[in-house]
Amino acid sequence: MKENYYWSDDLSCEFYIEAAKKGFITTSMYHKEEFVLLPEIQFDYAVLHFDDIKVPRKVKKLIKENNYILDISQNLEKVLDKINAYHPNSWLTQEYINILNNIKINSSLYENFNLFSIELYEKNDKKLISGEIGYQIGSIYTSLSGFTTKNKKYNNWGKLQLVLLNDYLKSNNYKMWNLGHPQLQYKTDLGAKIYNRKEFLELWNKNK
């Protein structure tokens, strides 16, 4: 394939999951007022191998303070609301959310695919500070989108969430973390390596 973006008007959970299993990361858009999915097979990918993570000094301090709780898939709806507030007018539309909710409701029907919401709470007041959505295929976790609280009090909590998620994935025998597009600096700062499409798909097919 020479291109990266494709489109589909098939909004079924089955199509979404099958595209994900092939290595596509699907977003969405409106074309001539019609909602369509945009599966992308990227030219390059950022992949984090768990032992390569670089933990910033300020995150180490937050870990030592131990004023947080990391939950997995306890409140997808709240995480989606927070992401939409953080990234207004993004590809995470109500139609896209409907697909995710249907996947969650019917999760027992889909083999080798699990939808995740990652939730980082402040321990004292149970406030949701940072989080993301993503999915598991085989021994691979793929990040889709996330948020963090824009408040000086919670500086570096977004990075804390990523470091804690790295530890969770490693301890649960995942093999790799697909962070998607490599352009954002925080991904390589964390220790992610950049693979071209061919290299990535070799890793993907080995571990999915």
N, C-alpha and C. Protein backbone atom coordinates (compact mmCIF):
# COMPACT_ATOMS: atom_id res chain seq x y z
N MET A 1 0.83 -1.19 0.00
CA MET A 1 0.00 0.00 0.00
C MET A 1 0.87 1.25 0.00
N LYS A 2 0.59 2.17 -0.92
CA LYS A 2 1.38 3.39 -1.04
C LYS A 2 0.81 4.53 -0.21
N GLU A 3 -0.46 4.45 0.15
CA GLU A 3 -1.11 5.52 0.90
C GLU A 3 -1.11 5.18 2.39
N ASN A 4 -1.56 6.14 3.19
CA ASN A 4 -1.71 5.88 4.61
C ASN A 4 -3.16 5.94 5.08
N TYR A 5 -3.92 6.94 4.60
CA TYR A 5 -5.31 7.06 5.01
C TYR A 5 -6.25 6.40 4.00
N TYR A 6 -7.25 5.72 4.53
CA TYR A 6 -8.33 5.16 3.73
C TYR A 6 -9.64 5.58 4.40
N TRP A 7 -10.76 5.34 3.78
CA TRP A 7 -12.02 5.70 4.42
C TRP A 7 -13.03 4.58 4.21
N SER A 8 -14.02 4.55 5.10
CA SER A 8 -15.07 3.54 5.00
C SER A 8 -16.35 4.08 5.61
N ASP A 9 -17.47 3.72 4.99
CA ASP A 9 -18.77 4.04 5.58
C ASP A 9 -19.35 2.84 6.31
N ASP A 10 -18.54 1.81 6.51
CA ASP A 10 -18.93 0.66 7.32
C ASP A 10 -18.65 1.00 8.78
N LEU A 11 -19.69 1.26 9.54
CA LEU A 11 -19.54 1.70 10.92
C LEU A 11 -19.72 0.55 11.92
N SER A 12 -19.63 -0.66 11.45
CA SER A 12 -19.84 -1.81 12.33
C SER A 12 -18.64 -2.02 13.25
N CYS A 13 -18.91 -2.60 14.40
CA CYS A 13 -17.83 -2.95 15.32
C CYS A 13 -16.88 -3.95 14.67
N GLU A 14 -17.43 -4.85 13.88
CA GLU A 14 -16.62 -5.88 13.24
C GLU A 14 -15.58 -5.27 12.30
N PHE A 15 -16.01 -4.27 11.52
CA PHE A 15 -15.05 -3.61 10.62
C PHE A 15 -13.97 -2.89 11.42
N TYR A 16 -14.37 -2.17 12.45
CA TYR A 16 -13.42 -1.41 13.27
C TYR A 16 -12.36 -2.34 13.86
N ILE A 17 -12.81 -3.46 14.40
CA ILE A 17 -11.90 -4.40 15.05
C ILE A 17 -11.00 -5.08 14.03
N GLU A 18 -11.54 -5.47 12.89
CA GLU A 18 -10.73 -6.13 11.87
C GLU A 18 -9.65 -5.19 11.35
N ALA A 19 -9.99 -3.91 11.16
CA ALA A 19 -8.98 -2.93 10.74
C ALA A 19 -7.88 -2.80 11.80
N ALA A 20 -8.29 -2.76 13.06
CA ALA A 20 -7.32 -2.66 14.15
C ALA A 20 -6.38 -3.86 14.17
N LYS A 21 -6.92 -5.04 13.92
CA LYS A 21 -6.10 -6.25 13.94
C LYS A 21 -5.09 -6.27 12.80
N LYS A 22 -5.36 -5.54 11.74
CA LYS A 22 -4.42 -5.46 10.61
C LYS A 22 -3.36 -4.38 10.83
N GLY A 23 -3.46 -3.63 11.92
CA GLY A 23 -2.47 -2.60 12.22
C GLY A 23 -2.93 -1.19 11.92
N PHE A 24 -4.17 -1.03 11.43
CA PHE A 24 -4.71 0.30 11.18
C PHE A 24 -5.12 0.95 12.51
N ILE A 25 -4.91 2.25 12.62
CA ILE A 25 -5.48 3.04 13.71
C ILE A 25 -6.57 3.91 13.09
N THR A 26 -7.79 3.74 13.56
CA THR A 26 -8.94 4.37 12.91
C THR A 26 -9.39 5.62 13.66
N THR A 27 -9.50 6.72 12.93
CA THR A 27 -10.12 7.93 13.44
C THR A 27 -11.39 8.17 12.62
N SER A 28 -11.82 9.42 12.46
CA SER A 28 -13.06 9.66 11.73
C SER A 28 -13.10 11.09 11.20
N MET A 29 -14.07 11.35 10.32
CA MET A 29 -14.29 12.70 9.81
C MET A 29 -15.68 12.75 9.17
N TYR A 30 -16.10 13.95 8.82
CA TYR A 30 -17.31 14.12 8.02
C TYR A 30 -16.90 14.48 6.60
N HIS A 31 -17.48 13.80 5.63
CA HIS A 31 -17.23 14.08 4.22
C HIS A 31 -18.56 14.35 3.55
N LYS A 32 -18.74 15.59 3.10
CA LYS A 32 -20.01 15.99 2.50
C LYS A 32 -21.17 15.67 3.44
N GLU A 33 -20.97 16.01 4.70
CA GLU A 33 -21.96 15.85 5.77
C GLU A 33 -22.24 14.39 6.13
N GLU A 34 -21.44 13.47 5.61
CA GLU A 34 -21.59 12.06 5.96
C GLU A 34 -20.42 11.65 6.86
N PHE A 35 -20.75 10.95 7.94
CA PHE A 35 -19.73 10.47 8.86
C PHE A 35 -19.06 9.23 8.27
N VAL A 36 -17.72 9.25 8.24
CA VAL A 36 -16.97 8.09 7.74
C VAL A 36 -15.81 7.81 8.68
N LEU A 37 -15.38 6.56 8.68
CA LEU A 37 -14.20 6.16 9.43
C LEU A 37 -12.96 6.34 8.56
N LEU A 38 -11.85 6.67 9.22
CA LEU A 38 -10.57 6.87 8.53
C LEU A 38 -9.52 5.91 9.09
N PRO A 39 -9.50 4.67 8.63
CA PRO A 39 -8.42 3.77 9.05
C PRO A 39 -7.09 4.24 8.45
N GLU A 40 -6.07 4.32 9.28
CA GLU A 40 -4.76 4.75 8.80
C GLU A 40 -3.72 3.68 9.06
N ILE A 41 -3.00 3.30 8.03
CA ILE A 41 -1.82 2.46 8.18
C ILE A 41 -0.63 3.42 8.02
N GLN A 42 -0.03 3.78 9.11
CA GLN A 42 0.91 4.89 9.14
C GLN A 42 2.20 4.58 8.39
N PHE A 43 2.90 5.64 8.00
CA PHE A 43 4.23 5.47 7.40
C PHE A 43 5.28 5.17 8.47
N ASP A 44 5.07 5.72 9.67
CA ASP A 44 5.99 5.52 10.79
C ASP A 44 5.18 5.38 12.09
N TYR A 45 5.75 4.64 13.04
CA TYR A 45 5.09 4.40 14.32
C TYR A 45 6.07 4.61 15.46
N ALA A 46 5.56 5.11 16.57
CA ALA A 46 6.33 5.16 17.82
C ALA A 46 5.94 3.95 18.65
N VAL A 47 6.93 3.16 19.03
CA VAL A 47 6.69 1.94 19.81
C VAL A 47 7.55 2.00 21.07
N LEU A 48 6.92 1.76 22.20
CA LEU A 48 7.66 1.73 23.46
C LEU A 48 7.84 0.28 23.90
N HIS A 49 9.09 -0.12 24.03
CA HIS A 49 9.42 -1.40 24.65
C HIS A 49 9.65 -1.12 26.13
N PHE A 50 8.96 -1.87 26.97
CA PHE A 50 8.76 -1.46 28.36
C PHE A 50 10.05 -1.20 29.14
N ASP A 51 11.08 -1.98 28.89
CA ASP A 51 12.33 -1.79 29.62
C ASP A 51 13.10 -0.55 29.17
N ASP A 52 12.67 0.05 28.07
CA ASP A 52 13.36 1.24 27.55
C ASP A 52 12.83 2.55 28.13
N ILE A 53 11.81 2.48 28.98
CA ILE A 53 11.17 3.71 29.43
C ILE A 53 12.14 4.59 30.23
N LYS A 54 12.04 5.89 29.99
CA LYS A 54 12.84 6.88 30.71
C LYS A 54 11.90 7.64 31.64
N VAL A 55 12.12 7.51 32.93
CA VAL A 55 11.22 8.12 33.92
C VAL A 55 11.82 9.45 34.37
N PRO A 56 11.14 10.57 34.08
CA PRO A 56 11.66 11.88 34.49
C PRO A 56 11.76 12.01 36.01
N ARG A 57 12.67 12.83 36.44
CA ARG A 57 12.90 13.02 37.88
C ARG A 57 11.63 13.47 38.60
N LYS A 58 10.88 14.39 37.99
CA LYS A 58 9.67 14.90 38.63
C LYS A 58 8.59 13.82 38.73
N VAL A 59 8.58 12.89 37.79
CA VAL A 59 7.63 11.77 37.87
C VAL A 59 8.04 10.81 38.97
N LYS A 60 9.33 10.59 39.12
CA LYS A 60 9.81 9.75 40.23
C LYS A 60 9.37 10.33 41.57
N LYS A 61 9.39 11.66 41.67
CA LYS A 61 8.95 12.32 42.90
C LYS A 61 7.46 12.07 43.14
N LEU A 62 6.64 12.17 42.09
CA LEU A 62 5.20 11.90 42.22
C LEU A 62 4.95 10.46 42.64
N ILE A 63 5.71 9.53 42.09
CA ILE A 63 5.56 8.12 42.46
C ILE A 63 5.88 7.94 43.94
N LYS A 64 6.92 8.60 44.41
CA LYS A 64 7.32 8.50 45.81
C LYS A 64 6.25 9.08 46.73
N GLU A 65 5.60 10.16 46.30
CA GLU A 65 4.54 10.77 47.11
C GLU A 65 3.32 9.87 47.23
N ASN A 66 3.09 9.03 46.23
CA ASN A 66 2.05 7.99 46.28
C ASN A 66 0.65 8.55 46.53
N ASN A 67 0.34 9.67 45.88
CA ASN A 67 -0.99 10.28 46.03
C ASN A 67 -1.84 10.03 44.79
N TYR A 68 -1.84 8.82 44.31
CA TYR A 68 -2.55 8.51 43.07
C TYR A 68 -3.13 7.10 43.13
N ILE A 69 -4.12 6.88 42.27
CA ILE A 69 -4.68 5.55 42.06
C ILE A 69 -4.81 5.35 40.55
N LEU A 70 -4.25 4.27 40.03
CA LEU A 70 -4.41 3.93 38.62
C LEU A 70 -5.48 2.86 38.50
N ASP A 71 -6.53 3.17 37.77
CA ASP A 71 -7.60 2.20 37.50
C ASP A 71 -7.63 1.87 36.01
N ILE A 72 -8.08 0.67 35.71
CA ILE A 72 -8.17 0.21 34.32
C ILE A 72 -9.63 -0.11 34.01
N SER A 73 -10.17 0.60 33.05
CA SER A 73 -11.50 0.31 32.49
C SER A 73 -12.61 0.33 33.53
N GLN A 74 -12.59 1.34 34.39
CA GLN A 74 -13.65 1.49 35.38
C GLN A 74 -14.69 2.53 34.98
N ASN A 75 -14.30 3.50 34.13
CA ASN A 75 -15.24 4.58 33.79
C ASN A 75 -14.92 5.13 32.41
N LEU A 76 -15.23 4.34 31.39
CA LEU A 76 -14.96 4.74 30.01
C LEU A 76 -15.68 6.05 29.66
N GLU A 77 -16.93 6.17 30.07
CA GLU A 77 -17.72 7.35 29.73
C GLU A 77 -17.06 8.63 30.24
N LYS A 78 -16.57 8.60 31.47
CA LYS A 78 -15.95 9.79 32.05
C LYS A 78 -14.65 10.14 31.33
N VAL A 79 -13.88 9.13 30.97
CA VAL A 79 -12.63 9.37 30.25
C VAL A 79 -12.93 9.97 28.88
N LEU A 80 -13.93 9.46 28.19
CA LEU A 80 -14.31 10.01 26.89
C LEU A 80 -14.73 11.47 27.01
N ASP A 81 -15.50 11.78 28.04
CA ASP A 81 -15.92 13.18 28.27
C ASP A 81 -14.71 14.08 28.49
N LYS A 82 -13.76 13.60 29.28
CA LYS A 82 -12.56 14.39 29.57
C LYS A 82 -11.71 14.60 28.32
N ILE A 83 -11.60 13.56 27.49
CA ILE A 83 -10.83 13.69 26.26
C ILE A 83 -11.48 14.71 25.34
N ASN A 84 -12.79 14.66 25.22
CA ASN A 84 -13.49 15.62 24.35
C ASN A 84 -13.37 17.05 24.85
N ALA A 85 -13.32 17.22 26.16
CA ALA A 85 -13.11 18.57 26.70
C ALA A 85 -11.68 19.05 26.45
N TYR A 86 -10.74 18.12 26.47
CA TYR A 86 -9.32 18.44 26.27
C TYR A 86 -9.01 18.68 24.79
N HIS A 87 -9.67 17.89 23.92
CA HIS A 87 -9.48 18.00 22.46
C HIS A 87 -10.84 18.30 21.81
N PRO A 88 -11.35 19.52 21.93
CA PRO A 88 -12.67 19.82 21.35
C PRO A 88 -12.65 19.72 19.83
N ASN A 89 -13.80 19.30 19.28
CA ASN A 89 -13.96 19.22 17.82
C ASN A 89 -12.95 18.28 17.17
N SER A 90 -12.64 17.20 17.83
CA SER A 90 -11.68 16.23 17.29
C SER A 90 -12.43 15.13 16.54
N TRP A 91 -11.69 14.10 16.16
CA TRP A 91 -12.29 12.95 15.47
C TRP A 91 -13.12 12.08 16.41
N LEU A 92 -13.03 12.33 17.72
CA LEU A 92 -13.76 11.52 18.69
C LEU A 92 -15.19 12.04 18.80
N THR A 93 -15.96 11.82 17.75
CA THR A 93 -17.33 12.31 17.66
C THR A 93 -18.29 11.37 18.38
N GLN A 94 -19.55 11.77 18.47
CA GLN A 94 -20.54 10.91 19.10
C GLN A 94 -20.72 9.62 18.32
N GLU A 95 -20.64 9.69 17.00
CA GLU A 95 -20.76 8.47 16.18
C GLU A 95 -19.61 7.50 16.48
N TYR A 96 -18.43 8.05 16.63
CA TYR A 96 -17.27 7.21 16.95
C TYR A 96 -17.42 6.61 18.35
N ILE A 97 -17.87 7.44 19.29
CA ILE A 97 -18.10 6.96 20.65
C ILE A 97 -19.14 5.85 20.67
N ASN A 98 -20.15 5.96 19.83
CA ASN A 98 -21.17 4.90 19.75
C ASN A 98 -20.54 3.57 19.36
N ILE A 99 -19.59 3.60 18.44
CA ILE A 99 -18.90 2.37 18.06
C ILE A 99 -18.15 1.79 19.25
N LEU A 100 -17.42 2.64 19.96
CA LEU A 100 -16.67 2.17 21.13
C LEU A 100 -17.60 1.60 22.19
N ASN A 101 -18.71 2.27 22.44
CA ASN A 101 -19.66 1.78 23.44
C ASN A 101 -20.25 0.44 23.04
N ASN A 102 -20.55 0.26 21.76
CA ASN A 102 -21.08 -1.02 21.29
C ASN A 102 -20.05 -2.13 21.43
N ILE A 103 -18.79 -1.80 21.18
CA ILE A 103 -17.73 -2.79 21.38
C ILE A 103 -17.66 -3.19 22.85
N LYS A 104 -17.75 -2.20 23.73
CA LYS A 104 -17.69 -2.49 25.17
C LYS A 104 -18.87 -3.36 25.61
N ILE A 105 -20.06 -3.00 25.17
CA ILE A 105 -21.27 -3.74 25.57
C ILE A 105 -21.21 -5.19 25.09
N ASN A 106 -20.66 -5.39 23.90
CA ASN A 106 -20.64 -6.73 23.30
C ASN A 106 -19.24 -7.34 23.31
N SER A 107 -18.45 -6.97 24.30
CA SER A 107 -17.04 -7.37 24.32
C SER A 107 -16.83 -8.88 24.27
N SER A 108 -17.77 -9.64 24.81
CA SER A 108 -17.61 -11.10 24.83
C SER A 108 -17.69 -11.72 23.44
N LEU A 109 -18.19 -10.95 22.47
CA LEU A 109 -18.34 -11.47 21.10
C LEU A 109 -17.05 -11.36 20.30
N TYR A 110 -16.10 -10.56 20.77
CA TYR A 110 -14.94 -10.24 19.95
C TYR A 110 -13.69 -10.90 20.51
N GLU A 111 -13.14 -11.79 19.73
CA GLU A 111 -11.97 -12.54 20.16
C GLU A 111 -10.69 -11.71 19.98
N ASN A 112 -9.85 -11.76 20.98
CA ASN A 112 -8.52 -11.14 20.90
C ASN A 112 -8.58 -9.63 20.69
N PHE A 113 -9.60 -8.99 21.26
CA PHE A 113 -9.69 -7.53 21.20
C PHE A 113 -10.36 -7.04 22.48
N ASN A 114 -9.70 -6.12 23.17
CA ASN A 114 -10.27 -5.54 24.38
C ASN A 114 -10.08 -4.04 24.38
N LEU A 115 -11.16 -3.32 24.63
CA LEU A 115 -11.13 -1.87 24.72
C LEU A 115 -10.75 -1.46 26.14
N PHE A 116 -9.89 -0.45 26.27
CA PHE A 116 -9.42 -0.01 27.58
C PHE A 116 -9.70 1.47 27.79
N SER A 117 -10.01 1.83 29.03
CA SER A 117 -9.88 3.21 29.49
C SER A 117 -8.89 3.18 30.65
N ILE A 118 -7.91 4.07 30.57
CA ILE A 118 -6.87 4.16 31.60
C ILE A 118 -7.17 5.41 32.43
N GLU A 119 -7.25 5.26 33.74
CA GLU A 119 -7.73 6.34 34.60
C GLU A 119 -6.76 6.57 35.77
N LEU A 120 -6.25 7.78 35.85
CA LEU A 120 -5.36 8.14 36.95
C LEU A 120 -6.08 9.14 37.86
N TYR A 121 -6.33 8.72 39.09
CA TYR A 121 -7.06 9.54 40.06
C TYR A 121 -6.12 10.06 41.14
N GLU A 122 -6.43 11.26 41.63
CA GLU A 122 -5.78 11.73 42.85
C GLU A 122 -6.36 10.93 44.02
N LYS A 123 -5.49 10.38 44.83
CA LYS A 123 -5.94 9.47 45.88
C LYS A 123 -6.84 10.15 46.91
N ASN A 124 -6.51 11.38 47.29
CA ASN A 124 -7.21 12.03 48.40
C ASN A 124 -8.67 12.36 48.07
N ASP A 125 -8.92 12.92 46.88
CA ASP A 125 -10.30 13.33 46.57
C ASP A 125 -10.92 12.55 45.43
N LYS A 126 -10.22 11.52 44.95
CA LYS A 126 -10.73 10.64 43.88
C LYS A 126 -11.03 11.40 42.59
N LYS A 127 -10.33 12.50 42.36
CA LYS A 127 -10.52 13.29 41.14
C LYS A 127 -9.75 12.66 39.99
N LEU A 128 -10.42 12.54 38.83
CA LEU A 128 -9.77 11.99 37.64
C LEU A 128 -8.86 13.06 37.03
N ILE A 129 -7.57 12.82 37.03
CA ILE A 129 -6.58 13.82 36.64
C ILE A 129 -6.07 13.60 35.21
N SER A 130 -5.87 12.36 34.85
CA SER A 130 -5.29 12.05 33.54
C SER A 130 -5.80 10.69 33.09
N GLY A 131 -5.83 10.48 31.79
CA GLY A 131 -6.28 9.18 31.30
C GLY A 131 -6.22 9.08 29.80
N GLU A 132 -6.60 7.92 29.30
CA GLU A 132 -6.60 7.69 27.86
C GLU A 132 -7.51 6.52 27.52
N ILE A 133 -7.77 6.38 26.22
CA ILE A 133 -8.44 5.19 25.71
C ILE A 133 -7.49 4.48 24.76
N GLY A 134 -7.66 3.17 24.66
CA GLY A 134 -6.83 2.37 23.77
C GLY A 134 -7.40 0.97 23.69
N TYR A 135 -6.66 0.08 23.04
CA TYR A 135 -7.15 -1.29 22.94
C TYR A 135 -5.99 -2.28 22.91
N GLN A 136 -6.34 -3.51 23.29
CA GLN A 136 -5.39 -4.62 23.32
C GLN A 136 -5.73 -5.61 22.22
N ILE A 137 -4.72 -5.98 21.46
CA ILE A 137 -4.81 -7.06 20.49
C ILE A 137 -3.64 -7.98 20.75
N GLY A 138 -3.91 -9.23 21.12
CA GLY A 138 -2.82 -10.13 21.47
C GLY A 138 -2.03 -9.57 22.63
N SER A 139 -0.72 -9.46 22.45
CA SER A 139 0.14 -8.92 23.51
C SER A 139 0.57 -7.49 23.21
N ILE A 140 -0.24 -6.78 22.40
CA ILE A 140 0.05 -5.39 22.02
C ILE A 140 -1.03 -4.47 22.57
N TYR A 141 -0.61 -3.35 23.15
CA TYR A 141 -1.55 -2.30 23.54
C TYR A 141 -1.33 -1.11 22.62
N THR A 142 -2.43 -0.53 22.11
CA THR A 142 -2.39 0.63 21.23
C THR A 142 -3.11 1.80 21.89
N SER A 143 -2.45 2.93 22.01
CA SER A 143 -3.07 4.15 22.52
C SER A 143 -3.84 4.86 21.42
N LEU A 144 -5.03 5.37 21.76
CA LEU A 144 -5.83 6.13 20.80
C LEU A 144 -5.80 7.63 21.08
N SER A 145 -6.23 8.03 22.26
CA SER A 145 -6.26 9.45 22.61
C SER A 145 -6.31 9.58 24.12
N GLY A 146 -5.88 10.73 24.62
CA GLY A 146 -5.87 10.91 26.06
C GLY A 146 -6.02 12.37 26.46
N PHE A 147 -5.94 12.59 27.76
CA PHE A 147 -6.07 13.95 28.30
C PHE A 147 -5.27 14.03 29.59
N THR A 148 -5.02 15.24 30.02
CA THR A 148 -4.51 15.48 31.36
C THR A 148 -5.08 16.81 31.85
N THR A 149 -5.11 17.01 33.14
CA THR A 149 -5.70 18.21 33.72
C THR A 149 -4.75 19.40 33.59
N LYS A 150 -5.26 20.49 33.05
CA LYS A 150 -4.45 21.70 32.86
C LYS A 150 -4.51 22.55 34.13
N ASN A 151 -3.69 22.18 35.05
CA ASN A 151 -3.62 22.87 36.34
C ASN A 151 -2.21 22.67 36.89
N LYS A 152 -1.58 23.76 37.30
CA LYS A 152 -0.19 23.67 37.76
C LYS A 152 -0.02 22.63 38.86
N LYS A 153 -1.05 22.46 39.67
CA LYS A 153 -0.99 21.47 40.75
C LYS A 153 -0.73 20.08 40.21
N TYR A 154 -1.18 19.82 38.98
CA TYR A 154 -1.07 18.47 38.41
C TYR A 154 -0.05 18.40 37.27
N ASN A 155 0.93 19.29 37.31
CA ASN A 155 2.02 19.19 36.34
C ASN A 155 2.67 17.81 36.41
N ASN A 156 2.92 17.22 35.27
CA ASN A 156 3.59 15.93 35.12
C ASN A 156 2.71 14.72 35.44
N TRP A 157 1.42 14.95 35.74
CA TRP A 157 0.54 13.81 35.97
C TRP A 157 0.25 13.05 34.67
N GLY A 158 0.27 13.74 33.55
CA GLY A 158 0.12 13.04 32.28
C GLY A 158 1.26 12.07 32.05
N LYS A 159 2.48 12.52 32.34
CA LYS A 159 3.65 11.64 32.23
C LYS A 159 3.59 10.52 33.26
N LEU A 160 3.11 10.85 34.46
CA LEU A 160 2.95 9.83 35.51
C LEU A 160 2.01 8.73 35.03
N GLN A 161 0.91 9.11 34.41
CA GLN A 161 -0.04 8.11 33.91
C GLN A 161 0.62 7.18 32.89
N LEU A 162 1.45 7.74 32.02
CA LEU A 162 2.13 6.93 31.01
C LEU A 162 3.14 5.98 31.64
N VAL A 163 3.87 6.46 32.62
CA VAL A 163 4.85 5.61 33.30
C VAL A 163 4.16 4.47 34.04
N LEU A 164 3.06 4.79 34.73
CA LEU A 164 2.32 3.75 35.45
C LEU A 164 1.68 2.76 34.50
N LEU A 165 1.18 3.25 33.36
CA LEU A 165 0.62 2.34 32.36
C LEU A 165 1.70 1.43 31.80
N ASN A 166 2.88 1.96 31.57
CA ASN A 166 4.00 1.14 31.11
C ASN A 166 4.25 -0.02 32.09
N ASP A 167 4.26 0.29 33.38
CA ASP A 167 4.49 -0.74 34.39
C ASP A 167 3.36 -1.76 34.41
N TYR A 168 2.13 -1.28 34.25
CA TYR A 168 0.98 -2.19 34.22
C TYR A 168 1.09 -3.15 33.04
N LEU A 169 1.38 -2.61 31.87
CA LEU A 169 1.47 -3.45 30.67
C LEU A 169 2.59 -4.47 30.81
N LYS A 170 3.72 -4.04 31.31
CA LYS A 170 4.85 -4.95 31.49
C LYS A 170 4.50 -6.07 32.46
N SER A 171 3.88 -5.72 33.58
CA SER A 171 3.56 -6.73 34.60
C SER A 171 2.47 -7.68 34.15
N ASN A 172 1.70 -7.28 33.12
CA ASN A 172 0.65 -8.15 32.60
C ASN A 172 1.05 -8.82 31.29
N ASN A 173 2.35 -8.91 31.06
CA ASN A 173 2.94 -9.71 29.98
C ASN A 173 2.63 -9.21 28.57
N TYR A 174 2.39 -7.92 28.44
CA TYR A 174 2.33 -7.36 27.09
C TYR A 174 3.74 -7.33 26.51
N LYS A 175 3.82 -7.29 25.19
CA LYS A 175 5.12 -7.32 24.52
C LYS A 175 5.53 -5.96 23.97
N MET A 176 4.55 -5.13 23.60
CA MET A 176 4.90 -3.82 23.05
C MET A 176 3.73 -2.86 23.19
N TRP A 177 4.06 -1.58 23.14
CA TRP A 177 3.07 -0.51 23.28
C TRP A 177 3.15 0.35 22.03
N ASN A 178 2.07 0.34 21.26
CA ASN A 178 1.98 1.13 20.03
C ASN A 178 1.46 2.51 20.39
N LEU A 179 2.32 3.51 20.26
CA LEU A 179 1.95 4.89 20.58
C LEU A 179 1.52 5.69 19.35
N GLY A 180 1.47 5.02 18.20
CA GLY A 180 0.96 5.69 17.00
C GLY A 180 1.96 6.66 16.40
N HIS A 181 1.46 7.81 15.98
CA HIS A 181 2.31 8.80 15.30
C HIS A 181 3.51 9.19 16.17
N PRO A 182 4.70 9.25 15.57
CA PRO A 182 5.90 9.53 16.35
C PRO A 182 6.24 11.00 16.50
N GLN A 183 5.45 11.90 15.92
CA GLN A 183 5.85 13.30 15.86
C GLN A 183 5.87 14.00 17.22
N LEU A 184 5.02 13.59 18.14
CA LEU A 184 4.95 14.28 19.43
C LEU A 184 6.18 13.93 20.28
N GLN A 185 6.84 14.96 20.78
CA GLN A 185 8.14 14.82 21.44
C GLN A 185 8.08 13.93 22.68
N TYR A 186 6.95 13.97 23.41
CA TYR A 186 6.89 13.24 24.67
C TYR A 186 7.08 11.74 24.46
N LYS A 187 6.75 11.24 23.28
CA LYS A 187 6.85 9.80 23.03
C LYS A 187 8.31 9.35 22.98
N THR A 188 9.13 10.06 22.23
CA THR A 188 10.55 9.70 22.20
C THR A 188 11.23 10.07 23.52
N ASP A 189 10.76 11.12 24.19
CA ASP A 189 11.30 11.46 25.51
C ASP A 189 11.09 10.31 26.49
N LEU A 190 9.99 9.59 26.35
CA LEU A 190 9.70 8.44 27.21
C LEU A 190 10.57 7.23 26.89
N GLY A 191 11.17 7.23 25.70
CA GLY A 191 12.01 6.11 25.30
C GLY A 191 11.48 5.32 24.12
N ALA A 192 10.41 5.82 23.49
CA ALA A 192 9.86 5.12 22.33
C ALA A 192 10.84 5.11 21.17
N LYS A 193 10.81 4.04 20.41
CA LYS A 193 11.60 3.92 19.19
C LYS A 193 10.68 4.12 17.99
N ILE A 194 11.24 4.65 16.92
CA ILE A 194 10.47 4.91 15.71
C ILE A 194 10.75 3.83 14.68
N TYR A 195 9.69 3.22 14.18
CA TYR A 195 9.78 2.17 13.17
C TYR A 195 9.05 2.61 11.92
N ASN A 196 9.60 2.28 10.75
CA ASN A 196 8.83 2.52 9.54
C ASN A 196 7.74 1.47 9.41
N ARG A 197 6.88 1.64 8.44
CA ARG A 197 5.72 0.75 8.32
C ARG A 197 6.11 -0.72 8.23
N LYS A 198 7.08 -1.02 7.39
CA LYS A 198 7.49 -2.42 7.20
C LYS A 198 8.01 -3.01 8.50
N GLU A 199 8.87 -2.27 9.19
CA GLU A 199 9.43 -2.75 10.45
C GLU A 199 8.33 -2.93 11.49
N PHE A 200 7.43 -1.96 11.54
CA PHE A 200 6.34 -2.03 12.52
C PHE A 200 5.45 -3.23 12.28
N LEU A 201 5.06 -3.47 11.04
CA LEU A 201 4.15 -4.58 10.74
C LEU A 201 4.80 -5.93 11.03
N GLU A 202 6.12 -6.01 10.89
CA GLU A 202 6.81 -7.24 11.29
C GLU A 202 6.67 -7.46 12.79
N LEU A 203 6.87 -6.40 13.58
CA LEU A 203 6.67 -6.50 15.02
C LEU A 203 5.22 -6.81 15.36
N TRP A 204 4.31 -6.12 14.68
CA TRP A 204 2.88 -6.28 14.92
C TRP A 204 2.44 -7.73 14.69
N ASN A 205 2.80 -8.28 13.56
CA ASN A 205 2.38 -9.64 13.22
C ASN A 205 3.02 -10.68 14.12
N LYS A 206 4.17 -10.36 14.67
CA LYS A 206 4.84 -11.27 15.59
C LYS A 206 4.14 -11.32 16.94
N ASN A 207 3.57 -10.21 17.36
CA ASN A 207 3.07 -10.10 18.74
C ASN A 207 1.56 -10.02 18.89
N LYS A 208 0.83 -9.86 17.78
CA LYS A 208 -0.62 -9.69 17.92
C LYS A 208 -1.30 -11.00 18.30
